[in-house]
Amino acid sequence: FIEQEDIIHMIEGLMIELVKTLYPEKKIIQ
């Protein structure tokens, strides 16, 4: 019972946390 926005929001959060954890020297621009 999910919508496309639910998936986008979840995956975006996952990618942000992965970058922060694995590559703290990298900066997410937006």
PDB file of all heavy atoms in Angstrom:
ATOM      1  N   PHE A   1       0.815  -1.219   0.000  1.00  0.00           N
ATOM      2  CA  PHE A   1       0.000   0.000   0.000  1.00  0.00           C
ATOM      3  C   PHE A   1       0.847   1.266   0.000  1.00  0.00           C
ATOM      4  O   PHE A   1       0.682   2.151   0.838  1.00  0.00           O
ATOM      5  CB  PHE A   1      -0.979   0.002   1.191  1.00  0.00           C
ATOM      6  CG  PHE A   1      -1.758  -1.263   1.298  1.00  0.00           C
ATOM      7  CD1 PHE A   1      -1.496  -2.178   2.307  1.00  0.00           C
ATOM      8  CD2 PHE A   1      -2.744  -1.559   0.368  1.00  0.00           C
ATOM      9  CE1 PHE A   1      -2.210  -3.360   2.398  1.00  0.00           C
ATOM     10  CE2 PHE A   1      -3.469  -2.740   0.454  1.00  0.00           C
ATOM     11  CZ  PHE A   1      -3.202  -3.638   1.469  1.00  0.00           C
ATOM     12  N   ILE A   2       1.788   1.329  -0.921  1.00  0.00           N
ATOM     13  CA  ILE A   2       2.673   2.493  -0.999  1.00  0.00           C
ATOM     14  C   ILE A   2       2.474   3.221  -2.312  1.00  0.00           C
ATOM     15  O   ILE A   2       1.905   2.691  -3.262  1.00  0.00           O
ATOM     16  CB  ILE A   2       4.149   2.093  -0.840  1.00  0.00           C
ATOM     17  CG1 ILE A   2       4.544   1.105  -1.942  1.00  0.00           C
ATOM     18  CG2 ILE A   2       4.423   1.526   0.526  1.00  0.00           C
ATOM     19  CD1 ILE A   2       6.012   0.921  -2.077  1.00  0.00           C
ATOM     20  N   GLU A   3       2.959   4.417  -2.353  1.00  0.00           N
ATOM     21  CA  GLU A   3       2.925   5.254  -3.553  1.00  0.00           C
ATOM     22  C   GLU A   3       4.358   5.454  -4.034  1.00  0.00           C
ATOM     23  O   GLU A   3       5.318   5.220  -3.298  1.00  0.00           O
ATOM     24  CB  GLU A   3       2.303   6.616  -3.220  1.00  0.00           C
ATOM     25  CG  GLU A   3       0.914   6.560  -2.633  1.00  0.00           C
ATOM     26  CD  GLU A   3      -0.138   6.196  -3.655  1.00  0.00           C
ATOM     27  OE1 GLU A   3       0.061   6.522  -4.840  1.00  0.00           O
ATOM     28  OE2 GLU A   3      -1.150   5.590  -3.266  1.00  0.00           O
ATOM     29  N   GLN A   4       4.501   5.941  -5.245  1.00  0.00           N
ATOM     30  CA  GLN A   4       5.819   6.217  -5.816  1.00  0.00           C
ATOM     31  C   GLN A   4       6.616   7.152  -4.904  1.00  0.00           C
ATOM     32  O   GLN A   4       7.807   6.952  -4.687  1.00  0.00           O
ATOM     33  CB  GLN A   4       5.672   6.827  -7.204  1.00  0.00           C
ATOM     34  CG  GLN A   4       6.999   7.158  -7.856  1.00  0.00           C
ATOM     35  CD  GLN A   4       6.834   7.686  -9.269  1.00  0.00           C
ATOM     36  OE1 GLN A   4       5.833   7.468  -9.926  1.00  0.00           O
ATOM     37  NE2 GLN A   4       7.826   8.393  -9.736  1.00  0.00           N
ATOM     38  N   GLU A   5       5.970   8.166  -4.361  1.00  0.00           N
ATOM     39  CA  GLU A   5       6.647   9.118  -3.479  1.00  0.00           C
ATOM     40  C   GLU A   5       7.227   8.437  -2.244  1.00  0.00           C
ATOM     41  O   GLU A   5       8.286   8.841  -1.755  1.00  0.00           O
ATOM     42  CB  GLU A   5       5.695  10.229  -3.043  1.00  0.00           C
ATOM     43  CG  GLU A   5       5.527  11.326  -4.062  1.00  0.00           C
ATOM     44  CD  GLU A   5       6.821  12.056  -4.388  1.00  0.00           C
ATOM     45  OE1 GLU A   5       7.566  12.419  -3.455  1.00  0.00           O
ATOM     46  OE2 GLU A   5       7.095  12.263  -5.576  1.00  0.00           O
ATOM     47  N   ASP A   6       6.550   7.414  -1.726  1.00  0.00           N
ATOM     48  CA  ASP A   6       7.057   6.679  -0.567  1.00  0.00           C
ATOM     49  C   ASP A   6       8.405   6.027  -0.888  1.00  0.00           C
ATOM     50  O   ASP A   6       9.340   6.073  -0.083  1.00  0.00           O
ATOM     51  CB  ASP A   6       6.070   5.593  -0.129  1.00  0.00           C
ATOM     52  CG  ASP A   6       4.722   6.141   0.294  1.00  0.00           C
ATOM     53  OD1 ASP A   6       4.679   7.249   0.868  1.00  0.00           O
ATOM     54  OD2 ASP A   6       3.711   5.462   0.045  1.00  0.00           O
ATOM     55  N   ILE A   7       8.498   5.420  -2.055  1.00  0.00           N
ATOM     56  CA  ILE A   7       9.729   4.746  -2.468  1.00  0.00           C
ATOM     57  C   ILE A   7      10.836   5.772  -2.688  1.00  0.00           C
ATOM     58  O   ILE A   7      11.961   5.597  -2.212  1.00  0.00           O
ATOM     59  CB  ILE A   7       9.496   3.909  -3.737  1.00  0.00           C
ATOM     60  CG1 ILE A   7       8.516   2.781  -3.429  1.00  0.00           C
ATOM     61  CG2 ILE A   7      10.819   3.360  -4.263  1.00  0.00           C
ATOM     62  CD1 ILE A   7       8.013   2.051  -4.642  1.00  0.00           C
ATOM     63  N   ILE A   8      10.519   6.845  -3.391  1.00  0.00           N
ATOM     64  CA  ILE A   8      11.522   7.886  -3.649  1.00  0.00           C
ATOM     65  C   ILE A   8      12.046   8.445  -2.332  1.00  0.00           C
ATOM     66  O   ILE A   8      13.260   8.602  -2.147  1.00  0.00           O
ATOM     67  CB  ILE A   8      10.936   8.993  -4.546  1.00  0.00           C
ATOM     68  CG1 ILE A   8      10.691   8.441  -5.956  1.00  0.00           C
ATOM     69  CG2 ILE A   8      11.850  10.216  -4.579  1.00  0.00           C
ATOM     70  CD1 ILE A   8       9.911   9.370  -6.861  1.00  0.00           C
ATOM     71  N   HIS A   9      11.158   8.751  -1.405  1.00  0.00           N
ATOM     72  CA  HIS A   9      11.562   9.314  -0.118  1.00  0.00           C
ATOM     73  C   HIS A   9      12.458   8.335   0.655  1.00  0.00           C
ATOM     74  O   HIS A   9      13.483   8.721   1.220  1.00  0.00           O
ATOM     75  CB  HIS A   9      10.315   9.667   0.698  1.00  0.00           C
ATOM     76  CG  HIS A   9      10.616  10.277   2.019  1.00  0.00           C
ATOM     77  ND1 HIS A   9      11.064  11.571   2.157  1.00  0.00           N
ATOM     78  CD2 HIS A   9      10.556   9.765   3.263  1.00  0.00           C
ATOM     79  CE1 HIS A   9      11.262  11.825   3.438  1.00  0.00           C
ATOM     80  NE2 HIS A   9      10.959  10.739   4.125  1.00  0.00           N
ATOM     81  N   MET A  10      12.091   7.065   0.667  1.00  0.00           N
ATOM     82  CA  MET A  10      12.863   6.069   1.404  1.00  0.00           C
ATOM     83  C   MET A  10      14.252   5.866   0.787  1.00  0.00           C
ATOM     84  O   MET A  10      15.261   5.865   1.495  1.00  0.00           O
ATOM     85  CB  MET A  10      12.125   4.737   1.444  1.00  0.00           C
ATOM     86  CG  MET A  10      12.841   3.724   2.300  1.00  0.00           C
ATOM     87  SD  MET A  10      12.082   2.120   2.312  1.00  0.00           S
ATOM     88  CE  MET A  10      12.190   1.679   0.601  1.00  0.00           C
ATOM     89  N   ILE A  11      14.320   5.710  -0.527  1.00  0.00           N
ATOM     90  CA  ILE A  11      15.602   5.478  -1.196  1.00  0.00           C
ATOM     91  C   ILE A  11      16.495   6.708  -1.094  1.00  0.00           C
ATOM     92  O   ILE A  11      17.709   6.598  -0.885  1.00  0.00           O
ATOM     93  CB  ILE A  11      15.382   5.066  -2.670  1.00  0.00           C
ATOM     94  CG1 ILE A  11      14.644   3.724  -2.737  1.00  0.00           C
ATOM     95  CG2 ILE A  11      16.703   5.020  -3.431  1.00  0.00           C
ATOM     96  CD1 ILE A  11      15.383   2.563  -2.108  1.00  0.00           C
ATOM     97  N   GLU A  12      15.921   7.900  -1.231  1.00  0.00           N
ATOM     98  CA  GLU A  12      16.708   9.124  -1.100  1.00  0.00           C
ATOM     99  C   GLU A  12      17.327   9.203   0.302  1.00  0.00           C
ATOM    100  O   GLU A  12      18.509   9.502   0.445  1.00  0.00           O
ATOM    101  CB  GLU A  12      15.833  10.341  -1.370  1.00  0.00           C
ATOM    102  CG  GLU A  12      16.595  11.637  -1.373  1.00  0.00           C
ATOM    103  CD  GLU A  12      15.718  12.792  -1.793  1.00  0.00           C
ATOM    104  OE1 GLU A  12      15.446  12.926  -3.002  1.00  0.00           O
ATOM    105  OE2 GLU A  12      15.294  13.552  -0.900  1.00  0.00           O
ATOM    106  N   GLY A  13      16.541   8.927   1.327  1.00  0.00           N
ATOM    107  CA  GLY A  13      17.071   8.930   2.694  1.00  0.00           C
ATOM    108  C   GLY A  13      18.171   7.901   2.876  1.00  0.00           C
ATOM    109  O   GLY A  13      19.192   8.171   3.529  1.00  0.00           O
ATOM    110  N   LEU A  14      17.989   6.726   2.299  1.00  0.00           N
ATOM    111  CA  LEU A  14      18.993   5.671   2.370  1.00  0.00           C
ATOM    112  C   LEU A  14      20.293   6.112   1.710  1.00  0.00           C
ATOM    113  O   LEU A  14      21.382   5.950   2.274  1.00  0.00           O
ATOM    114  CB  LEU A  14      18.465   4.398   1.705  1.00  0.00           C
ATOM    115  CG  LEU A  14      19.442   3.232   1.582  1.00  0.00           C
ATOM    116  CD1 LEU A  14      19.865   2.732   2.954  1.00  0.00           C
ATOM    117  CD2 LEU A  14      18.816   2.119   0.772  1.00  0.00           C
ATOM    118  N   MET A  15      20.210   6.694   0.525  1.00  0.00           N
ATOM    119  CA  MET A  15      21.406   7.141  -0.188  1.00  0.00           C
ATOM    120  C   MET A  15      22.137   8.244   0.578  1.00  0.00           C
ATOM    121  O   MET A  15      23.366   8.243   0.673  1.00  0.00           O
ATOM    122  CB  MET A  15      21.044   7.647  -1.595  1.00  0.00           C
ATOM    123  CG  MET A  15      20.529   6.587  -2.539  1.00  0.00           C
ATOM    124  SD  MET A  15      21.791   5.341  -2.873  1.00  0.00           S
ATOM    125  CE  MET A  15      21.031   3.914  -2.152  1.00  0.00           C
ATOM    126  N   ILE A  16      21.386   9.155   1.164  1.00  0.00           N
ATOM    127  CA  ILE A  16      21.987  10.245   1.942  1.00  0.00           C
ATOM    128  C   ILE A  16      22.735   9.676   3.142  1.00  0.00           C
ATOM    129  O   ILE A  16      23.882  10.051   3.414  1.00  0.00           O
ATOM    130  CB  ILE A  16      20.914  11.258   2.370  1.00  0.00           C
ATOM    131  CG1 ILE A  16      20.403  12.023   1.140  1.00  0.00           C
ATOM    132  CG2 ILE A  16      21.455  12.219   3.428  1.00  0.00           C
ATOM    133  CD1 ILE A  16      19.139  12.820   1.372  1.00  0.00           C
ATOM    134  N   GLU A  17      22.119   8.751   3.858  1.00  0.00           N
ATOM    135  CA  GLU A  17      22.771   8.157   5.029  1.00  0.00           C
ATOM    136  C   GLU A  17      23.990   7.328   4.641  1.00  0.00           C
ATOM    137  O   GLU A  17      25.001   7.326   5.354  1.00  0.00           O
ATOM    138  CB  GLU A  17      21.782   7.315   5.834  1.00  0.00           C
ATOM    139  CG  GLU A  17      20.761   8.134   6.587  1.00  0.00           C
ATOM    140  CD  GLU A  17      21.392   9.168   7.512  1.00  0.00           C
ATOM    141  OE1 GLU A  17      22.340   8.826   8.261  1.00  0.00           O
ATOM    142  OE2 GLU A  17      20.951  10.328   7.483  1.00  0.00           O
ATOM    143  N   LEU A  18      23.913   6.615   3.511  1.00  0.00           N
ATOM    144  CA  LEU A  18      25.073   5.839   3.051  1.00  0.00           C
ATOM    145  C   LEU A  18      26.256   6.754   2.745  1.00  0.00           C
ATOM    146  O   LEU A  18      27.389   6.463   3.128  1.00  0.00           O
ATOM    147  CB  LEU A  18      24.712   5.026   1.807  1.00  0.00           C
ATOM    148  CG  LEU A  18      23.943   3.742   2.049  1.00  0.00           C
ATOM    149  CD1 LEU A  18      23.468   3.144   0.734  1.00  0.00           C
ATOM    150  CD2 LEU A  18      24.791   2.744   2.812  1.00  0.00           C
ATOM    151  N   VAL A  19      26.003   7.849   2.055  1.00  0.00           N
ATOM    152  CA  VAL A  19      27.088   8.780   1.731  1.00  0.00           C
ATOM    153  C   VAL A  19      27.676   9.366   3.007  1.00  0.00           C
ATOM    154  O   VAL A  19      28.897   9.437   3.175  1.00  0.00           O
ATOM    155  CB  VAL A  19      26.599   9.897   0.779  1.00  0.00           C
ATOM    156  CG1 VAL A  19      27.636  11.003   0.656  1.00  0.00           C
ATOM    157  CG2 VAL A  19      26.282   9.326  -0.590  1.00  0.00           C
ATOM    158  N   LYS A  20      26.821   9.799   3.936  1.00  0.00           N
ATOM    159  CA  LYS A  20      27.308  10.378   5.192  1.00  0.00           C
ATOM    160  C   LYS A  20      28.143   9.374   5.986  1.00  0.00           C
ATOM    161  O   LYS A  20      29.140   9.736   6.596  1.00  0.00           O
ATOM    162  CB  LYS A  20      26.130  10.852   6.041  1.00  0.00           C
ATOM    163  CG  LYS A  20      25.486  12.116   5.549  1.00  0.00           C
ATOM    164  CD  LYS A  20      24.334  12.504   6.472  1.00  0.00           C
ATOM    165  CE  LYS A  20      23.660  13.781   6.012  1.00  0.00           C
ATOM    166  NZ  LYS A  20      22.534  14.130   6.894  1.00  0.00           N
ATOM    167  N   THR A  21      27.736   8.110   5.977  1.00  0.00           N
ATOM    168  CA  THR A  21      28.417   7.095   6.759  1.00  0.00           C
ATOM    169  C   THR A  21      29.692   6.592   6.084  1.00  0.00           C
ATOM    170  O   THR A  21      30.741   6.496   6.717  1.00  0.00           O
ATOM    171  CB  THR A  21      27.475   5.895   7.015  1.00  0.00           C
ATOM    172  OG1 THR A  21      26.314   6.373   7.694  1.00  0.00           O
ATOM    173  CG2 THR A  21      28.151   4.822   7.845  1.00  0.00           C
ATOM    174  N   LEU A  22      29.598   6.274   4.807  1.00  0.00           N
ATOM    175  CA  LEU A  22      30.729   5.660   4.108  1.00  0.00           C
ATOM    176  C   LEU A  22      31.723   6.673   3.539  1.00  0.00           C
ATOM    177  O   LEU A  22      32.902   6.356   3.391  1.00  0.00           O
ATOM    178  CB  LEU A  22      30.212   4.762   2.975  1.00  0.00           C
ATOM    179  CG  LEU A  22      29.331   3.602   3.413  1.00  0.00           C
ATOM    180  CD1 LEU A  22      28.798   2.856   2.194  1.00  0.00           C
ATOM    181  CD2 LEU A  22      30.099   2.655   4.331  1.00  0.00           C
ATOM    182  N   TYR A  23      31.246   7.861   3.198  1.00  0.00           N
ATOM    183  CA  TYR A  23      32.097   8.874   2.577  1.00  0.00           C
ATOM    184  C   TYR A  23      31.869  10.236   3.235  1.00  0.00           C
ATOM    185  O   TYR A  23      31.380  11.165   2.599  1.00  0.00           O
ATOM    186  CB  TYR A  23      31.804   8.974   1.077  1.00  0.00           C
ATOM    187  CG  TYR A  23      31.962   7.652   0.358  1.00  0.00           C
ATOM    188  CD1 TYR A  23      30.855   6.866   0.064  1.00  0.00           C
ATOM    189  CD2 TYR A  23      33.216   7.190  -0.008  1.00  0.00           C
ATOM    190  CE1 TYR A  23      30.995   5.645  -0.581  1.00  0.00           C
ATOM    191  CE2 TYR A  23      33.371   5.978  -0.653  1.00  0.00           C
ATOM    192  CZ  TYR A  23      32.253   5.210  -0.936  1.00  0.00           C
ATOM    193  OH  TYR A  23      32.403   4.002  -1.569  1.00  0.00           O
ATOM    194  N   PRO A  24      32.220  10.376   4.503  1.00  0.00           N
ATOM    195  CA  PRO A  24      31.931  11.638   5.198  1.00  0.00           C
ATOM    196  C   PRO A  24      32.620  12.856   4.579  1.00  0.00           C
ATOM    197  O   PRO A  24      32.173  13.985   4.778  1.00  0.00           O
ATOM    198  CB  PRO A  24      32.417  11.382   6.629  1.00  0.00           C
ATOM    199  CG  PRO A  24      33.333  10.215   6.532  1.00  0.00           C
ATOM    200  CD  PRO A  24      32.904   9.412   5.345  1.00  0.00           C
ATOM    201  N   GLU A  25      33.667  12.619   3.812  1.00  0.00           N
ATOM    202  CA  GLU A  25      34.360  13.738   3.154  1.00  0.00           C
ATOM    203  C   GLU A  25      33.603  14.255   1.928  1.00  0.00           C
ATOM    204  O   GLU A  25      33.867  15.356   1.450  1.00  0.00           O
ATOM    205  CB  GLU A  25      35.790  13.338   2.762  1.00  0.00           C
ATOM    206  CG  GLU A  25      35.884  12.371   1.593  1.00  0.00           C
ATOM    207  CD  GLU A  25      35.605  10.906   1.927  1.00  0.00           C
ATOM    208  OE1 GLU A  25      35.268  10.558   3.073  1.00  0.00           O
ATOM    209  OE2 GLU A  25      35.723  10.089   0.992  1.00  0.00           O
ATOM    210  N   LYS A  26      32.679  13.482   1.420  1.00  0.00           N
ATOM    211  CA  LYS A  26      31.883  13.888   0.256  1.00  0.00           C
ATOM    212  C   LYS A  26      30.718  14.745   0.709  1.00  0.00           C
ATOM    213  O   LYS A  26      30.168  14.550   1.784  1.00  0.00           O
ATOM    214  CB  LYS A  26      31.335  12.671  -0.497  1.00  0.00           C
ATOM    215  CG  LYS A  26      32.375  11.716  -0.987  1.00  0.00           C
ATOM    216  CD  LYS A  26      32.948  12.168  -2.277  1.00  0.00           C
ATOM    217  CE  LYS A  26      33.911  11.106  -2.802  1.00  0.00           C
ATOM    218  NZ  LYS A  26      34.530  11.511  -4.020  1.00  0.00           N
ATOM    219  N   LYS A  27      30.326  15.685  -0.107  1.00  0.00           N
ATOM    220  CA  LYS A  27      29.210  16.565   0.216  1.00  0.00           C
ATOM    221  C   LYS A  27      28.084  16.357  -0.794  1.00  0.00           C
ATOM    222  O   LYS A  27      28.328  16.327  -1.999  1.00  0.00           O
ATOM    223  CB  LYS A  27      29.643  18.032   0.189  1.00  0.00           C
ATOM    224  CG  LYS A  27      30.763  18.343   1.161  1.00  0.00           C
ATOM    225  CD  LYS A  27      30.341  18.110   2.597  1.00  0.00           C
ATOM    226  CE  LYS A  27      31.490  18.362   3.549  1.00  0.00           C
ATOM    227  NZ  LYS A  27      31.524  17.479   4.672  1.00  0.00           N
ATOM    228  N   ILE A  28      26.882  16.240  -0.305  1.00  0.00           N
ATOM    229  CA  ILE A  28      25.708  16.149  -1.170  1.00  0.00           C
ATOM    230  C   ILE A  28      25.300  17.582  -1.488  1.00  0.00           C
ATOM    231  O   ILE A  28      25.068  18.382  -0.581  1.00  0.00           O
ATOM    232  CB  ILE A  28      24.573  15.378  -0.489  1.00  0.00           C
ATOM    233  CG1 ILE A  28      25.034  13.938  -0.209  1.00  0.00           C
ATOM    234  CG2 ILE A  28      23.318  15.398  -1.356  1.00  0.00           C
ATOM    235  CD1 ILE A  28      24.075  13.125   0.611  1.00  0.00           C
ATOM    236  N   ILE A  29      25.235  17.903  -2.751  1.00  0.00           N
ATOM    237  CA  ILE A  29      25.019  19.281  -3.180  1.00  0.00           C
ATOM    238  C   ILE A  29      23.612  19.768  -2.885  1.00  0.00           C
ATOM    239  O   ILE A  29      23.415  20.905  -2.461  1.00  0.00           O
ATOM    240  CB  ILE A  29      25.336  19.430  -4.681  1.00  0.00           C
ATOM    241  CG1 ILE A  29      26.818  19.140  -4.914  1.00  0.00           C
ATOM    242  CG2 ILE A  29      24.970  20.809  -5.186  1.00  0.00           C
ATOM    243  CD1 ILE A  29      27.207  19.018  -6.359  1.00  0.00           C
ATOM    244  N   GLN A  30      22.616  18.916  -3.094  1.00  0.00           N
ATOM    245  CA  GLN A  30      21.243  19.375  -2.921  1.00  0.00           C
ATOM    246  C   GLN A  30      20.376  18.296  -2.298  1.00  0.00           C
ATOM    247  O   GLN A  30      20.333  17.171  -2.779  1.00  0.00           O
ATOM    248  CB  GLN A  30      20.665  19.788  -4.274  1.00  0.00           C
ATOM    249  CG  GLN A  30      19.308  20.427  -4.182  1.00  0.00           C
ATOM    250  CD  GLN A  30      18.813  20.916  -5.535  1.00  0.00           C
ATOM    251  OE1 GLN A  30      19.552  20.946  -6.500  1.00  0.00           O
ATOM    252  NE2 GLN A  30      17.574  21.288  -5.585  1.00  0.00           N
TER     253      GLN A  30
END
